[in-house]
Amino acid sequence: MTSRNYSATIVIDPRGTDGSSSEMIPKLTEIIAQSEGEVLKVQELGQHDFAYPTKKEFTRGTYLQFDIS
């Protein structure tokens, strides 16, 4: 069976106290591993404003990019 490579960008809500991006990376890596995936690389892309926010109180997010096999 051949493995395929994917790139997934995940946006985290920075407003809550659910944890910072450094706490979320191991949790998301574990979820990917449980689905028989392998995380090759993780990049923290920082916080960015949304071009079209859907809620007034949620106008920006923290972006994480995962390279997955």
Protein backbone atom coordinates (compact mmCIF):
# COMPACT_ATOMS: atom_id res chain seq x y z
CA MET A 1 0.00 0.00 0.00
CA THR A 2 1.39 3.39 -0.94
CA SER A 3 1.28 6.25 1.52
CA ARG A 4 -0.03 9.63 0.48
CA ASN A 5 1.05 12.99 1.82
CA TYR A 6 -1.38 15.68 2.87
CA SER A 7 -1.18 19.21 4.20
CA ALA A 8 -3.85 20.29 6.70
CA THR A 9 -4.29 23.81 8.05
CA ILE A 10 -6.10 23.99 11.38
CA VAL A 11 -7.38 27.25 12.88
CA ILE A 12 -7.55 27.52 16.66
CA ASP A 13 -9.72 30.03 18.51
CA PRO A 14 -7.25 32.13 20.57
CA ARG A 15 -9.95 33.70 22.80
CA GLY A 16 -10.71 30.78 25.07
CA THR A 17 -8.75 29.26 27.90
CA ASP A 18 -8.80 25.82 26.26
CA GLY A 19 -5.05 25.96 25.73
CA SER A 20 -2.45 27.58 23.60
CA SER A 21 -1.20 26.28 20.27
CA SER A 22 1.79 24.65 22.00
CA GLU A 23 -0.66 22.59 24.08
CA MET A 24 -2.88 21.74 21.10
CA ILE A 25 -0.12 20.39 18.83
CA PRO A 26 0.52 17.19 20.87
CA LYS A 27 -3.23 16.57 21.21
CA LEU A 28 -3.82 16.93 17.47
CA THR A 29 -0.74 14.80 16.69
CA GLU A 30 -2.15 12.05 18.92
CA ILE A 31 -5.54 12.19 17.18
CA ILE A 32 -3.83 11.87 13.79
CA ALA A 33 -1.75 8.92 15.03
CA GLN A 34 -4.91 7.16 16.27
CA SER A 35 -6.25 7.41 12.70
CA GLU A 36 -3.15 5.60 11.39
CA GLY A 37 -1.54 8.85 10.20
CA GLU A 38 1.96 10.13 10.77
CA VAL A 39 2.75 13.80 11.36
CA LEU A 40 5.85 14.70 9.37
CA LYS A 41 6.08 18.40 10.21
CA VAL A 42 4.12 21.07 12.13
CA GLN A 43 4.38 24.79 11.48
CA GLU A 44 2.89 27.50 13.67
CA LEU A 45 1.82 30.19 11.22
CA GLY A 46 0.78 32.69 13.89
CA GLN A 47 -2.39 34.68 14.38
CA HIS A 48 -4.15 36.24 11.41
CA ASP A 49 -7.32 38.27 10.95
CA PHE A 50 -10.12 36.63 8.99
CA ALA A 51 -11.03 38.30 5.69
CA TYR A 52 -14.74 37.71 6.38
CA PRO A 53 -15.41 37.10 10.08
CA THR A 54 -18.67 35.32 10.73
CA LYS A 55 -18.98 36.57 14.31
CA LYS A 56 -18.05 39.99 15.71
CA GLU A 57 -16.22 38.48 18.68
CA PHE A 58 -14.26 35.95 16.56
CA THR A 59 -12.22 38.01 14.09
CA ARG A 60 -8.85 36.23 14.18
CA GLY A 61 -7.42 32.77 14.66
CA THR A 62 -4.16 30.95 15.30
CA TYR A 63 -3.12 28.91 12.27
CA LEU A 64 -1.28 25.56 12.46
CA GLN A 65 -0.15 23.63 9.38
CA PHE A 66 0.36 19.86 9.61
CA ASP A 67 2.16 17.80 6.97
CA ILE A 68 0.70 14.29 7.29
CA SER A 69 1.52 10.95 5.72
